[in-house]
Amino acid sequence: MTEQPPPDDLPTLRALAGWLQERLVEVRQAVADAERAAAAEAGRPRWWVRWQRRPPGAPRRGVLHEEGCWHPGTPDLDTAALHRLLAEHGRGITPCEVCRPATKSFSRNLSHPSDAPGQ
């Protein structure tokens, strides 16, 4: 943008003010659209767990995958469902070695095979 002083005649100032108000309306609409898109994206399923076979009575174990991983599965867990699942199964769920879905908010609840003692 050029750093010019604003015009000093009233008609030009009013025209400029009108133009700026129109741009402000457009920017506010773009912000609202972006917020709606972000809210819709946050509620979309992005993860799934591939449960491992286990003997009867053994604790449930699974591998967490993130959308885009090439392992078989379809994302069916949104953020809230993932939080509930991690609260219930905790360290029984490990992140996939390929897609590594340990995001900041969930990494403290996930164990990783390389985290095992002695490795």
PDB file of N, CA and C in Angstrom:
ATOM      1  N   MET A   1       0.840  -1.181   0.000  1.00  0.00           N
ATOM      2  CA  MET A   1       0.000   0.000   0.000  1.00  0.00           C
ATOM      3  C   MET A   1       0.883   1.242   0.000  1.00  0.00           C
ATOM      4  N   THR A   2       0.365   2.272  -0.580  1.00  0.00           N
ATOM      5  CA  THR A   2       1.107   3.529  -0.581  1.00  0.00           C
ATOM      6  C   THR A   2       0.786   4.304   0.676  1.00  0.00           C
ATOM      7  N   GLU A   3       1.746   4.997   1.163  1.00  0.00           N
ATOM      8  CA  GLU A   3       1.575   5.804   2.367  1.00  0.00           C
ATOM      9  C   GLU A   3       1.321   7.252   1.963  1.00  0.00           C
ATOM     10  N   GLN A   4       0.110   7.507   1.543  1.00  0.00           N
ATOM     11  CA  GLN A   4      -0.257   8.866   1.165  1.00  0.00           C
ATOM     12  C   GLN A   4      -1.189   9.438   2.220  1.00  0.00           C
ATOM     13  N   PRO A   5      -1.138  10.721   2.441  1.00  0.00           N
ATOM     14  CA  PRO A   5      -2.083  11.319   3.387  1.00  0.00           C
ATOM     15  C   PRO A   5      -3.490  11.223   2.804  1.00  0.00           C
ATOM     16  N   PRO A   6      -4.496  11.108   3.671  1.00  0.00           N
ATOM     17  CA  PRO A   6      -5.861  11.038   3.152  1.00  0.00           C
ATOM     18  C   PRO A   6      -6.224  12.335   2.431  1.00  0.00           C
ATOM     19  N   PRO A   7      -7.120  12.231   1.472  1.00  0.00           N
ATOM     20  CA  PRO A   7      -7.547  13.447   0.772  1.00  0.00           C
ATOM     21  C   PRO A   7      -8.192  14.416   1.749  1.00  0.00           C
ATOM     22  N   ASP A   8      -8.188  15.667   1.397  1.00  0.00           N
ATOM     23  CA  ASP A   8      -8.752  16.648   2.327  1.00  0.00           C
ATOM     24  C   ASP A   8     -10.110  17.181   1.880  1.00  0.00           C
ATOM     25  N   ASP A   9     -10.630  16.706   0.733  1.00  0.00           N
ATOM     26  CA  ASP A   9     -11.951  17.200   0.336  1.00  0.00           C
ATOM     27  C   ASP A   9     -13.021  16.212   0.798  1.00  0.00           C
ATOM     28  N   LEU A  10     -14.137  16.733   1.268  1.00  0.00           N
ATOM     29  CA  LEU A  10     -15.208  15.949   1.880  1.00  0.00           C
ATOM     30  C   LEU A  10     -15.791  14.889   0.947  1.00  0.00           C
ATOM     31  N   PRO A  11     -16.117  15.149  -0.289  1.00  0.00           N
ATOM     32  CA  PRO A  11     -16.684  14.101  -1.144  1.00  0.00           C
ATOM     33  C   PRO A  11     -15.734  12.904  -1.321  1.00  0.00           C
ATOM     34  N   THR A  12     -14.463  13.170  -1.466  1.00  0.00           N
ATOM     35  CA  THR A  12     -13.503  12.074  -1.620  1.00  0.00           C
ATOM     36  C   THR A  12     -13.383  11.281  -0.323  1.00  0.00           C
ATOM     37  N   LEU A  13     -13.388  11.963   0.806  1.00  0.00           N
ATOM     38  CA  LEU A  13     -13.328  11.271   2.101  1.00  0.00           C
ATOM     39  C   LEU A  13     -14.553  10.385   2.304  1.00  0.00           C
ATOM     40  N   ARG A  14     -15.739  10.869   1.936  1.00  0.00           N
ATOM     41  CA  ARG A  14     -16.965  10.063   2.072  1.00  0.00           C
ATOM     42  C   ARG A  14     -16.920   8.848   1.145  1.00  0.00           C
ATOM     43  N   ALA A  15     -16.434   9.047  -0.061  1.00  0.00           N
ATOM     44  CA  ALA A  15     -16.311   7.921  -0.992  1.00  0.00           C
ATOM     45  C   ALA A  15     -15.334   6.882  -0.447  1.00  0.00           C
ATOM     46  N   LEU A  16     -14.225   7.348   0.086  1.00  0.00           N
ATOM     47  CA  LEU A  16     -13.235   6.448   0.666  1.00  0.00           C
ATOM     48  C   LEU A  16     -13.817   5.702   1.868  1.00  0.00           C
ATOM     49  N   ALA A  17     -14.557   6.412   2.720  1.00  0.00           N
ATOM     50  CA  ALA A  17     -15.179   5.779   3.888  1.00  0.00           C
ATOM     51  C   ALA A  17     -16.180   4.711   3.448  1.00  0.00           C
ATOM     52  N   GLY A  18     -16.963   4.998   2.420  1.00  0.00           N
ATOM     53  CA  GLY A  18     -17.920   4.007   1.912  1.00  0.00           C
ATOM     54  C   GLY A  18     -17.217   2.774   1.371  1.00  0.00           C
ATOM     55  N   TRP A  19     -16.149   3.001   0.613  1.00  0.00           N
ATOM     56  CA  TRP A  19     -15.393   1.882   0.059  1.00  0.00           C
ATOM     57  C   TRP A  19     -14.784   1.032   1.180  1.00  0.00           C
ATOM     58  N   LEU A  20     -14.245   1.684   2.199  1.00  0.00           N
ATOM     59  CA  LEU A  20     -13.654   0.952   3.322  1.00  0.00           C
ATOM     60  C   LEU A  20     -14.713   0.148   4.076  1.00  0.00           C
ATOM     61  N   GLN A  21     -15.908   0.704   4.234  1.00  0.00           N
ATOM     62  CA  GLN A  21     -16.977  -0.032   4.909  1.00  0.00           C
ATOM     63  C   GLN A  21     -17.370  -1.272   4.110  1.00  0.00           C
ATOM     64  N   GLU A  22     -17.424  -1.148   2.789  1.00  0.00           N
ATOM     65  CA  GLU A  22     -17.734  -2.307   1.950  1.00  0.00           C
ATOM     66  C   GLU A  22     -16.672  -3.389   2.115  1.00  0.00           C
ATOM     67  N   ARG A  23     -15.405  -3.008   2.129  1.00  0.00           N
ATOM     68  CA  ARG A  23     -14.324  -3.985   2.306  1.00  0.00           C
ATOM     69  C   ARG A  23     -14.414  -4.628   3.686  1.00  0.00           C
ATOM     70  N   LEU A  24     -14.762  -3.824   4.707  1.00  0.00           N
ATOM     71  CA  LEU A  24     -14.882  -4.357   6.059  1.00  0.00           C
ATOM     72  C   LEU A  24     -15.999  -5.396   6.136  1.00  0.00           C
ATOM     73  N   VAL A  25     -17.119  -5.134   5.479  1.00  0.00           N
ATOM     74  CA  VAL A  25     -18.215  -6.109   5.440  1.00  0.00           C
ATOM     75  C   VAL A  25     -17.727  -7.400   4.780  1.00  0.00           C
ATOM     76  N   GLU A  26     -16.993  -7.274   3.676  1.00  0.00           N
ATOM     77  CA  GLU A  26     -16.468  -8.454   2.987  1.00  0.00           C
ATOM     78  C   GLU A  26     -15.503  -9.239   3.876  1.00  0.00           C
ATOM     79  N   VAL A  27     -14.638  -8.538   4.581  1.00  0.00           N
ATOM     80  CA  VAL A  27     -13.674  -9.204   5.456  1.00  0.00           C
ATOM     81  C   VAL A  27     -14.390  -9.900   6.602  1.00  0.00           C
ATOM     82  N   ARG A  28     -15.369  -9.250   7.198  1.00  0.00           N
ATOM     83  CA  ARG A  28     -16.120  -9.878   8.298  1.00  0.00           C
ATOM     84  C   ARG A  28     -16.856 -11.121   7.809  1.00  0.00           C
ATOM     85  N   GLN A  29     -17.396 -11.078   6.601  1.00  0.00           N
ATOM     86  CA  GLN A  29     -18.070 -12.246   6.036  1.00  0.00           C
ATOM     87  C   GLN A  29     -17.064 -13.379   5.804  1.00  0.00           C
ATOM     88  N   ALA A  30     -15.889 -13.036   5.310  1.00  0.00           N
ATOM     89  CA  ALA A  30     -14.855 -14.050   5.093  1.00  0.00           C
ATOM     90  C   ALA A  30     -14.419 -14.683   6.417  1.00  0.00           C
ATOM     91  N   VAL A  31     -14.312 -13.879   7.463  1.00  0.00           N
ATOM     92  CA  VAL A  31     -13.960 -14.403   8.787  1.00  0.00           C
ATOM     93  C   VAL A  31     -15.046 -15.353   9.274  1.00  0.00           C
ATOM     94  N   ALA A  32     -16.311 -14.963   9.140  1.00  0.00           N
ATOM     95  CA  ALA A  32     -17.420 -15.817   9.571  1.00  0.00           C
ATOM     96  C   ALA A  32     -17.422 -17.128   8.787  1.00  0.00           C
ATOM     97  N   ASP A  33     -17.189 -17.063   7.479  1.00  0.00           N
ATOM     98  CA  ASP A  33     -17.130 -18.278   6.662  1.00  0.00           C
ATOM     99  C   ASP A  33     -15.992 -19.187   7.115  1.00  0.00           C
ATOM    100  N   ALA A  34     -14.839 -18.604   7.394  1.00  0.00           N
ATOM    101  CA  ALA A  34     -13.688 -19.388   7.841  1.00  0.00           C
ATOM    102  C   ALA A  34     -13.952 -20.031   9.204  1.00  0.00           C
ATOM    103  N   GLU A  35     -14.619 -19.318  10.098  1.00  0.00           N
ATOM    104  CA  GLU A  35     -14.950 -19.884  11.412  1.00  0.00           C
ATOM    105  C   GLU A  35     -15.931 -21.039  11.275  1.00  0.00           C
ATOM    106  N   ARG A  36     -16.928 -20.899  10.393  1.00  0.00           N
ATOM    107  CA  ARG A  36     -17.876 -21.996  10.169  1.00  0.00           C
ATOM    108  C   ARG A  36     -17.159 -23.210   9.587  1.00  0.00           C
ATOM    109  N   ALA A  37     -16.267 -22.980   8.637  1.00  0.00           N
ATOM    110  CA  ALA A  37     -15.526 -24.089   8.033  1.00  0.00           C
ATOM    111  C   ALA A  37     -14.644 -24.790   9.068  1.00  0.00           C
ATOM    112  N   ALA A  38     -14.011 -24.016   9.938  1.00  0.00           N
ATOM    113  CA  ALA A  38     -13.159 -24.603  10.977  1.00  0.00           C
ATOM    114  C   ALA A  38     -13.987 -25.424  11.959  1.00  0.00           C
ATOM    115  N   ALA A  39     -15.175 -24.934  12.304  1.00  0.00           N
ATOM    116  CA  ALA A  39     -16.047 -25.673  13.220  1.00  0.00           C
ATOM    117  C   ALA A  39     -16.516 -26.975  12.580  1.00  0.00           C
ATOM    118  N   ALA A  40     -16.859 -26.931  11.305  1.00  0.00           N
ATOM    119  CA  ALA A  40     -17.288 -28.143  10.608  1.00  0.00           C
ATOM    120  C   ALA A  40     -16.137 -29.140  10.511  1.00  0.00           C
ATOM    121  N   GLU A  41     -14.944 -28.652  10.254  1.00  0.00           N
ATOM    122  CA  GLU A  41     -13.761 -29.505  10.146  1.00  0.00           C
ATOM    123  C   GLU A  41     -13.441 -30.169  11.483  1.00  0.00           C
ATOM    124  N   ALA A  42     -13.620 -29.440  12.569  1.00  0.00           N
ATOM    125  CA  ALA A  42     -13.305 -29.980  13.894  1.00  0.00           C
ATOM    126  C   ALA A  42     -14.219 -31.142  14.254  1.00  0.00           C
ATOM    127  N   GLY A  43     -15.453 -31.131  13.766  1.00  0.00           N
ATOM    128  CA  GLY A  43     -16.398 -32.195  14.093  1.00  0.00           C
ATOM    129  C   GLY A  43     -16.327 -33.391  13.165  1.00  0.00           C
ATOM    130  N   ARG A  44     -15.480 -33.325  12.149  1.00  0.00           N
ATOM    131  CA  ARG A  44     -15.383 -34.396  11.165  1.00  0.00           C
ATOM    132  C   ARG A  44     -14.497 -35.514  11.702  1.00  0.00           C
ATOM    133  N   PRO A  45     -14.914 -36.776  11.505  1.00  0.00           N
ATOM    134  CA  PRO A  45     -14.065 -37.884  11.951  1.00  0.00           C
ATOM    135  C   PRO A  45     -12.726 -37.878  11.222  1.00  0.00           C
ATOM    136  N   ARG A  46     -11.650 -38.057  11.985  1.00  0.00           N
ATOM    137  CA  ARG A  46     -10.311 -38.058  11.395  1.00  0.00           C
ATOM    138  C   ARG A  46      -9.450 -39.230  11.847  1.00  0.00           C
ATOM    139  N   TRP A  47      -9.909 -40.015  12.786  1.00  0.00           N
ATOM    140  CA  TRP A  47      -9.093 -41.102  13.318  1.00  0.00           C
ATOM    141  C   TRP A  47      -9.893 -42.400  13.347  1.00  0.00           C
ATOM    142  N   TRP A  48      -9.197 -43.519  13.437  1.00  0.00           N
ATOM    143  CA  TRP A  48      -9.831 -44.798  13.688  1.00  0.00           C
ATOM    144  C   TRP A  48      -8.832 -45.680  14.420  1.00  0.00           C
ATOM    145  N   VAL A  49      -9.369 -46.689  15.108  1.00  0.00           N
ATOM    146  CA  VAL A  49      -8.525 -47.641  15.828  1.00  0.00           C
ATOM    147  C   VAL A  49      -8.692 -48.999  15.166  1.00  0.00           C
ATOM    148  N   ARG A  50      -7.584 -49.627  14.886  1.00  0.00           N
ATOM    149  CA  ARG A  50      -7.599 -50.996  14.383  1.00  0.00           C
ATOM    150  C   ARG A  50      -7.302 -51.882  15.587  1.00  0.00           C
ATOM    151  N   TRP A  51      -8.357 -52.532  16.075  1.00  0.00           N
ATOM    152  CA  TRP A  51      -8.228 -53.335  17.287  1.00  0.00           C
ATOM    153  C   TRP A  51      -7.496 -54.633  16.982  1.00  0.00           C
ATOM    154  N   GLN A  52      -6.659 -55.066  17.918  1.00  0.00           N
ATOM    155  CA  GLN A  52      -5.884 -56.293  17.755  1.00  0.00           C
ATOM    156  C   GLN A  52      -6.634 -57.457  18.383  1.00  0.00           C
ATOM    157  N   ARG A  53      -6.383 -58.643  17.845  1.00  0.00           N
ATOM    158  CA  ARG A  53      -7.000 -59.830  18.444  1.00  0.00           C
ATOM    159  C   ARG A  53      -6.381 -60.055  19.817  1.00  0.00           C
ATOM    160  N   ARG A  54      -7.192 -60.641  20.701  1.00  0.00           N
ATOM    161  CA  ARG A  54      -6.711 -60.857  22.066  1.00  0.00           C
ATOM    162  C   ARG A  54      -7.375 -62.091  22.648  1.00  0.00           C
ATOM    163  N   PRO A  55      -6.726 -62.720  23.590  1.00  0.00           N
ATOM    164  CA  PRO A  55      -7.361 -63.850  24.262  1.00  0.00           C
ATOM    165  C   PRO A  55      -8.487 -63.344  25.161  1.00  0.00           C
ATOM    166  N   PRO A  56      -9.452 -64.189  25.454  1.00  0.00           N
ATOM    167  CA  PRO A  56     -10.550 -63.761  26.328  1.00  0.00           C
ATOM    168  C   PRO A  56     -10.019 -63.247  27.662  1.00  0.00           C
ATOM    169  N   GLY A  57     -10.548 -62.126  28.095  1.00  0.00           N
ATOM    170  CA  GLY A  57     -10.176 -61.537  29.374  1.00  0.00           C
ATOM    171  C   GLY A  57      -8.968 -60.614  29.320  1.00  0.00           C
ATOM    172  N   ALA A  58      -8.235 -60.641  28.223  1.00  0.00           N
ATOM    173  CA  ALA A  58      -7.063 -59.758  28.100  1.00  0.00           C
ATOM    174  C   ALA A  58      -7.533 -58.336  27.805  1.00  0.00           C
ATOM    175  N   PRO A  59      -6.767 -57.345  28.251  1.00  0.00           N
ATOM    176  CA  PRO A  59      -7.173 -55.964  27.973  1.00  0.00           C
ATOM    177  C   PRO A  59      -7.172 -55.682  26.471  1.00  0.00           C
ATOM    178  N   ARG A  60      -8.037 -54.814  26.086  1.00  0.00           N
ATOM    179  CA  ARG A  60      -8.170 -54.448  24.679  1.00  0.00           C
ATOM    180  C   ARG A  60      -6.983 -53.591  24.252  1.00  0.00           C
ATOM    181  N   ARG A  61      -6.408 -53.915  23.081  1.00  0.00           N
ATOM    182  CA  ARG A  61      -5.281 -53.160  22.545  1.00  0.00           C
ATOM    183  C   ARG A  61      -5.576 -52.823  21.095  1.00  0.00           C
ATOM    184  N   GLY A  62      -5.113 -51.646  20.697  1.00  0.00           N
ATOM    185  CA  GLY A  62      -5.350 -51.235  19.321  1.00  0.00           C
ATOM    186  C   GLY A  62      -4.311 -50.245  18.842  1.00  0.00           C
ATOM    187  N   VAL A  63      -4.359 -49.986  17.547  1.00  0.00           N
ATOM    188  CA  VAL A  63      -3.442 -49.038  16.914  1.00  0.00           C
ATOM    189  C   VAL A  63      -4.271 -47.889  16.364  1.00  0.00           C
ATOM    190  N   LEU A  64      -3.900 -46.684  16.748  1.00  0.00           N
ATOM    191  CA  LEU A  64      -4.612 -45.485  16.308  1.00  0.00           C
ATOM    192  C   LEU A  64      -4.051 -45.010  14.976  1.00  0.00           C
ATOM    193  N   HIS A  65      -4.960 -44.769  14.024  1.00  0.00           N
ATOM    194  CA  HIS A  65      -4.581 -44.276  12.699  1.00  0.00           C
ATOM    195  C   HIS A  65      -5.253 -42.937  12.455  1.00  0.00           C
ATOM    196  N   GLU A  66      -4.609 -42.139  11.621  1.00  0.00           N
ATOM    197  CA  GLU A  66      -5.140 -40.821  11.262  1.00  0.00           C
ATOM    198  C   GLU A  66      -5.534 -40.831   9.789  1.00  0.00           C
ATOM    199  N   GLU A  67      -6.511 -40.018   9.473  1.00  0.00           N
ATOM    200  CA  GLU A  67      -6.964 -39.869   8.098  1.00  0.00           C
ATOM    201  C   GLU A  67      -5.760 -39.711   7.168  1.00  0.00           C
ATOM    202  N   GLY A  68      -5.764 -40.451   6.077  1.00  0.00           N
ATOM    203  CA  GLY A  68      -4.665 -40.396   5.131  1.00  0.00           C
ATOM    204  C   GLY A  68      -3.706 -41.568   5.259  1.00  0.00           C
ATOM    205  N   CYS A  69      -3.812 -42.318   6.347  1.00  0.00           N
ATOM    206  CA  CYS A  69      -2.947 -43.482   6.533  1.00  0.00           C
ATOM    207  C   CYS A  69      -3.336 -44.551   5.515  1.00  0.00           C
ATOM    208  N   TRP A  70      -2.353 -45.298   5.020  1.00  0.00           N
ATOM    209  CA  TRP A  70      -2.648 -46.314   4.021  1.00  0.00           C
ATOM    210  C   TRP A  70      -3.099 -47.630   4.625  1.00  0.00           C
ATOM    211  N   HIS A  71      -3.061 -47.773   5.938  1.00  0.00           N
ATOM    212  CA  HIS A  71      -3.584 -48.985   6.570  1.00  0.00           C
ATOM    213  C   HIS A  71      -5.095 -49.038   6.391  1.00  0.00           C
ATOM    214  N   PRO A  72      -5.666 -50.243   6.286  1.00  0.00           N
ATOM    215  CA  PRO A  72      -7.113 -50.351   6.085  1.00  0.00           C
ATOM    216  C   PRO A  72      -7.884 -49.740   7.250  1.00  0.00           C
ATOM    217  N   GLY A  73      -8.964 -49.090   6.921  1.00  0.00           N
ATOM    218  CA  GLY A  73      -9.829 -48.498   7.935  1.00  0.00           C
ATOM    219  C   GLY A  73     -10.449 -47.222   7.433  1.00  0.00           C
ATOM    220  N   THR A  74     -11.514 -46.843   8.090  1.00  0.00           N
ATOM    221  CA  THR A  74     -12.229 -45.623   7.731  1.00  0.00           C
ATOM    222  C   THR A  74     -12.332 -44.754   8.970  1.00  0.00           C
ATOM    223  N   PRO A  75     -11.982 -43.485   8.870  1.00  0.00           N
ATOM    224  CA  PRO A  75     -12.099 -42.609  10.042  1.00  0.00           C
ATOM    225  C   PRO A  75     -13.527 -42.589  10.583  1.00  0.00           C
ATOM    226  N   ASP A  76     -13.665 -42.924  11.863  1.00  0.00           N
ATOM    227  CA  ASP A  76     -14.979 -42.892  12.498  1.00  0.00           C
ATOM    228  C   ASP A  76     -14.936 -42.211  13.865  1.00  0.00           C
ATOM    229  N   LEU A  77     -13.800 -41.642  14.221  1.00  0.00           N
ATOM    230  CA  LEU A  77     -13.654 -40.968  15.516  1.00  0.00           C
ATOM    231  C   LEU A  77     -13.407 -39.481  15.310  1.00  0.00           C
ATOM    232  N   ASP A  78     -14.278 -38.660  15.893  1.00  0.00           N
ATOM    233  CA  ASP A  78     -14.005 -37.224  15.901  1.00  0.00           C
ATOM    234  C   ASP A  78     -13.209 -36.916  17.166  1.00  0.00           C
ATOM    235  N   THR A  79     -12.940 -35.664  17.404  1.00  0.00           N
ATOM    236  CA  THR A  79     -12.102 -35.282  18.545  1.00  0.00           C
ATOM    237  C   THR A  79     -12.699 -35.742  19.871  1.00  0.00           C
ATOM    238  N   ALA A  80     -14.000 -35.527  20.063  1.00  0.00           N
ATOM    239  CA  ALA A  80     -14.636 -35.911  21.329  1.00  0.00           C
ATOM    240  C   ALA A  80     -14.605 -37.421  21.526  1.00  0.00           C
ATOM    241  N   ALA A  81     -14.900 -38.176  20.469  1.00  0.00           N
ATOM    242  CA  ALA A  81     -14.885 -39.637  20.571  1.00  0.00           C
ATOM    243  C   ALA A  81     -13.471 -40.146  20.847  1.00  0.00           C
ATOM    244  N   LEU A  82     -12.480 -39.518  20.244  1.00  0.00           N
ATOM    245  CA  LEU A  82     -11.094 -39.920  20.487  1.00  0.00           C
ATOM    246  C   LEU A  82     -10.704 -39.669  21.940  1.00  0.00           C
ATOM    247  N   HIS A  83     -11.107 -38.528  22.490  1.00  0.00           N
ATOM    248  CA  HIS A  83     -10.833 -38.243  23.906  1.00  0.00           C
ATOM    249  C   HIS A  83     -11.454 -39.317  24.799  1.00  0.00           C
ATOM    250  N   ARG A  84     -12.708 -39.688  24.528  1.00  0.00           N
ATOM    251  CA  ARG A  84     -13.378 -40.717  25.338  1.00  0.00           C
ATOM    252  C   ARG A  84     -12.651 -42.057  25.223  1.00  0.00           C
ATOM    253  N   LEU A  85     -12.267 -42.414  24.002  1.00  0.00           N
ATOM    254  CA  LEU A  85     -11.585 -43.679  23.772  1.00  0.00           C
ATOM    255  C   LEU A  85     -10.243 -43.722  24.500  1.00  0.00           C
ATOM    256  N   LEU A  86      -9.491 -42.634  24.424  1.00  0.00           N
ATOM    257  CA  LEU A  86      -8.199 -42.588  25.112  1.00  0.00           C
ATOM    258  C   LEU A  86      -8.372 -42.613  26.626  1.00  0.00           C
ATOM    259  N   ALA A  87      -9.424 -41.983  27.121  1.00  0.00           N
ATOM    260  CA  ALA A  87      -9.682 -42.012  28.563  1.00  0.00           C
ATOM    261  C   ALA A  87     -10.011 -43.431  29.018  1.00  0.00           C
ATOM    262  N   GLU A  88     -10.727 -44.161  28.183  1.00  0.00           N
ATOM    263  CA  GLU A  88     -11.127 -45.519  28.548  1.00  0.00           C
ATOM    264  C   GLU A  88      -9.976 -46.520  28.401  1.00  0.00           C
ATOM    265  N   HIS A  89      -9.222 -46.429  27.305  1.00  0.00           N
ATOM    266  CA  HIS A  89      -8.206 -47.444  27.014  1.00  0.00           C
ATOM    267  C   HIS A  89      -6.778 -46.973  27.237  1.00  0.00           C
ATOM    268  N   GLY A  90      -6.577 -45.668  27.333  1.00  0.00           N
ATOM    269  CA  GLY A  90      -5.262 -45.111  27.649  1.00  0.00           C
ATOM    270  C   GLY A  90      -4.119 -45.707  26.862  1.00  0.00           C
ATOM    271  N   ARG A  91      -3.166 -46.284  27.572  1.00  0.00           N
ATOM    272  CA  ARG A  91      -1.953 -46.807  26.940  1.00  0.00           C
ATOM    273  C   ARG A  91      -2.175 -48.117  26.199  1.00  0.00           C
ATOM    274  N   GLY A  92      -3.402 -48.618  26.191  1.00  0.00           N
ATOM    275  CA  GLY A  92      -3.711 -49.800  25.387  1.00  0.00           C
ATOM    276  C   GLY A  92      -3.806 -49.462  23.914  1.00  0.00           C
ATOM    277  N   ILE A  93      -3.737 -48.180  23.605  1.00  0.00           N
ATOM    278  CA  ILE A  93      -3.792 -47.728  22.218  1.00  0.00           C
ATOM    279  C   ILE A  93      -2.442 -47.113  21.874  1.00  0.00           C
ATOM    280  N   THR A  94      -1.826 -47.626  20.822  1.00  0.00           N
ATOM    281  CA  THR A  94      -0.541 -47.095  20.375  1.00  0.00           C
ATOM    282  C   THR A  94      -0.720 -46.408  19.024  1.00  0.00           C
ATOM    283  N   PRO A  95       0.094 -45.416  18.731  1.00  0.00           N
ATOM    284  CA  PRO A  95      -0.029 -44.741  17.435  1.00  0.00           C
ATOM    285  C   PRO A  95       0.558 -45.596  16.314  1.00  0.00           C
ATOM    286  N   CYS A  96      -0.001 -45.466  15.158  1.00  0.00           N
ATOM    287  CA  CYS A  96       0.481 -46.160  13.967  1.00  0.00           C
ATOM    288  C   CYS A  96       1.914 -45.724  13.665  1.00  0.00           C
ATOM    289  N   GLU A  97       2.744 -46.673  13.254  1.00  0.00           N
ATOM    290  CA  GLU A  97       4.135 -46.378  12.897  1.00  0.00           C
ATOM    291  C   GLU A  97       4.225 -45.582  11.602  1.00  0.00           C
ATOM    292  N   VAL A  98       3.196 -45.676  10.764  1.00  0.00           N
ATOM    293  CA  VAL A  98       3.225 -45.014   9.462  1.00  0.00           C
ATOM    294  C   VAL A  98       2.747 -43.573   9.561  1.00  0.00           C
ATOM    295  N   CYS A  99       1.528 -43.376  10.074  1.00  0.00           N
ATOM    296  CA  CYS A  99       0.956 -42.023  10.066  1.00  0.00           C
ATOM    297  C   CYS A  99       1.256 -41.232  11.334  1.00  0.00           C
ATOM    298  N   ARG A 100       1.706 -41.895  12.394  1.00  0.00           N
ATOM    299  CA  ARG A 100       2.103 -41.240  13.652  1.00  0.00           C
ATOM    300  C   ARG A 100       1.111 -40.161  14.100  1.00  0.00           C
ATOM    301  N   PRO A 101      -0.110 -40.546  14.469  1.00  0.00           N
ATOM    302  CA  PRO A 101      -1.147 -39.559  14.788  1.00  0.00           C
ATOM    303  C   PRO A 101      -1.044 -38.931  16.163  1.00  0.00           C
ATOM    304  N   ALA A 102       0.094 -38.983  16.800  1.00  0.00           N
ATOM    305  CA  ALA A 102       0.240 -38.431  18.149  1.00  0.00           C
ATOM    306  C   ALA A 102       0.266 -36.911  18.088  1.00  0.00           C
ATOM    307  N   THR A 103      -0.913 -36.317  18.044  1.00  0.00           N
ATOM    308  CA  THR A 103      -0.998 -34.865  18.045  1.00  0.00           C
ATOM    309  C   THR A 103      -0.717 -34.352  19.444  1.00  0.00           C
ATOM    310  N   LYS A 104      -0.439 -33.067  19.567  1.00  0.00           N
ATOM    311  CA  LYS A 104      -0.073 -32.480  20.858  1.00  0.00           C
ATOM    312  C   LYS A 104      -1.099 -32.778  21.939  1.00  0.00           C
ATOM    313  N   SER A 105      -2.379 -32.653  21.611  1.00  0.00           N
ATOM    314  CA  SER A 105      -3.397 -32.814  22.647  1.00  0.00           C
ATOM    315  C   SER A 105      -3.566 -34.262  23.074  1.00  0.00           C
ATOM    316  N   PHE A 106      -3.120 -35.226  22.268  1.00  0.00           N
ATOM    317  CA  PHE A 106      -3.330 -36.626  22.601  1.00  0.00           C
ATOM    318  C   PHE A 106      -2.048 -37.364  22.930  1.00  0.00           C
ATOM    319  N   SER A 107      -0.896 -36.793  22.610  1.00  0.00           N
ATOM    320  CA  SER A 107       0.356 -37.538  22.733  1.00  0.00           C
ATOM    321  C   SER A 107       0.636 -37.981  24.161  1.00  0.00           C
ATOM    322  N   ARG A 108       0.194 -37.234  25.135  1.00  0.00           N
ATOM    323  CA  ARG A 108       0.468 -37.651  26.513  1.00  0.00           C
ATOM    324  C   ARG A 108      -0.339 -38.887  26.891  1.00  0.00           C
ATOM    325  N   ASN A 109      -1.418 -39.189  26.144  1.00  0.00           N
ATOM    326  CA  ASN A 109      -2.238 -40.356  26.433  1.00  0.00           C
ATOM    327  C   ASN A 109      -1.838 -41.568  25.600  1.00  0.00           C
ATOM    328  N   LEU A 110      -0.945 -41.374  24.662  1.00  0.00           N
ATOM    329  CA  LEU A 110      -0.551 -42.460  23.776  1.00  0.00           C
ATOM    330  C   LEU A 110       0.817 -42.989  24.158  1.00  0.00           C
ATOM    331  N   SER A 111       0.964 -44.290  24.077  1.00  0.00           N
ATOM    332  CA  SER A 111       2.292 -44.863  24.226  1.00  0.00           C
ATOM    333  C   SER A 111       2.791 -45.166  22.824  1.00  0.00           C
ATOM    334  N   HIS A 112       4.038 -45.395  22.700  1.00  0.00           N
ATOM    335  CA  HIS A 112       4.608 -45.715  21.403  1.00  0.00           C
ATOM    336  C   HIS A 112       5.585 -46.855  21.614  1.00  0.00           C
ATOM    337  N   PRO A 113       5.630 -47.821  20.684  1.00  0.00           N
ATOM    338  CA  PRO A 113       6.532 -48.959  20.883  1.00  0.00           C
ATOM    339  C   PRO A 113       7.968 -48.539  21.176  1.00  0.00           C
ATOM    340  N   SER A 114       8.430 -47.447  20.602  1.00  0.00           N
ATOM    341  CA  SER A 114       9.805 -47.020  20.864  1.00  0.00           C
ATOM    342  C   SER A 114       9.965 -46.416  22.261  1.00  0.00           C
ATOM    343  N   ASP A 115       8.835 -46.163  22.958  1.00  0.00           N
ATOM    344  CA  ASP A 115       8.896 -45.630  24.318  1.00  0.00           C
ATOM    345  C   ASP A 115       9.128 -46.731  25.354  1.00  0.00           C
ATOM    346  N   ALA A 116       9.102 -47.978  24.910  1.00  0.00           N
ATOM    347  CA  ALA A 116       9.213 -49.088  25.846  1.00  0.00           C
ATOM    348  C   ALA A 116      10.580 -49.061  26.521  1.00  0.00           C
ATOM    349  N   PRO A 117      10.638 -49.442  27.805  1.00  0.00           N
ATOM    350  CA  PRO A 117      11.914 -49.442  28.515  1.00  0.00           C
ATOM    351  C   PRO A 117      12.903 -50.402  27.853  1.00  0.00           C
ATOM    352  N   GLY A 118      14.159 -50.024  27.852  1.00  0.00           N
ATOM    353  CA  GLY A 118      15.207 -50.888  27.334  1.00  0.00           C
ATOM    354  C   GLY A 118      15.388 -50.815  25.836  1.00  0.00           C
ATOM    355  N   GLN A 119      14.731 -49.851  25.187  1.00  0.00           N
ATOM    356  CA  GLN A 119      14.879 -49.741  23.730  1.00  0.00           C
ATOM    357  C   GLN A 119      15.482 -48.433  23.356  1.00  0.00           C
TER     358      GLN A 119
END
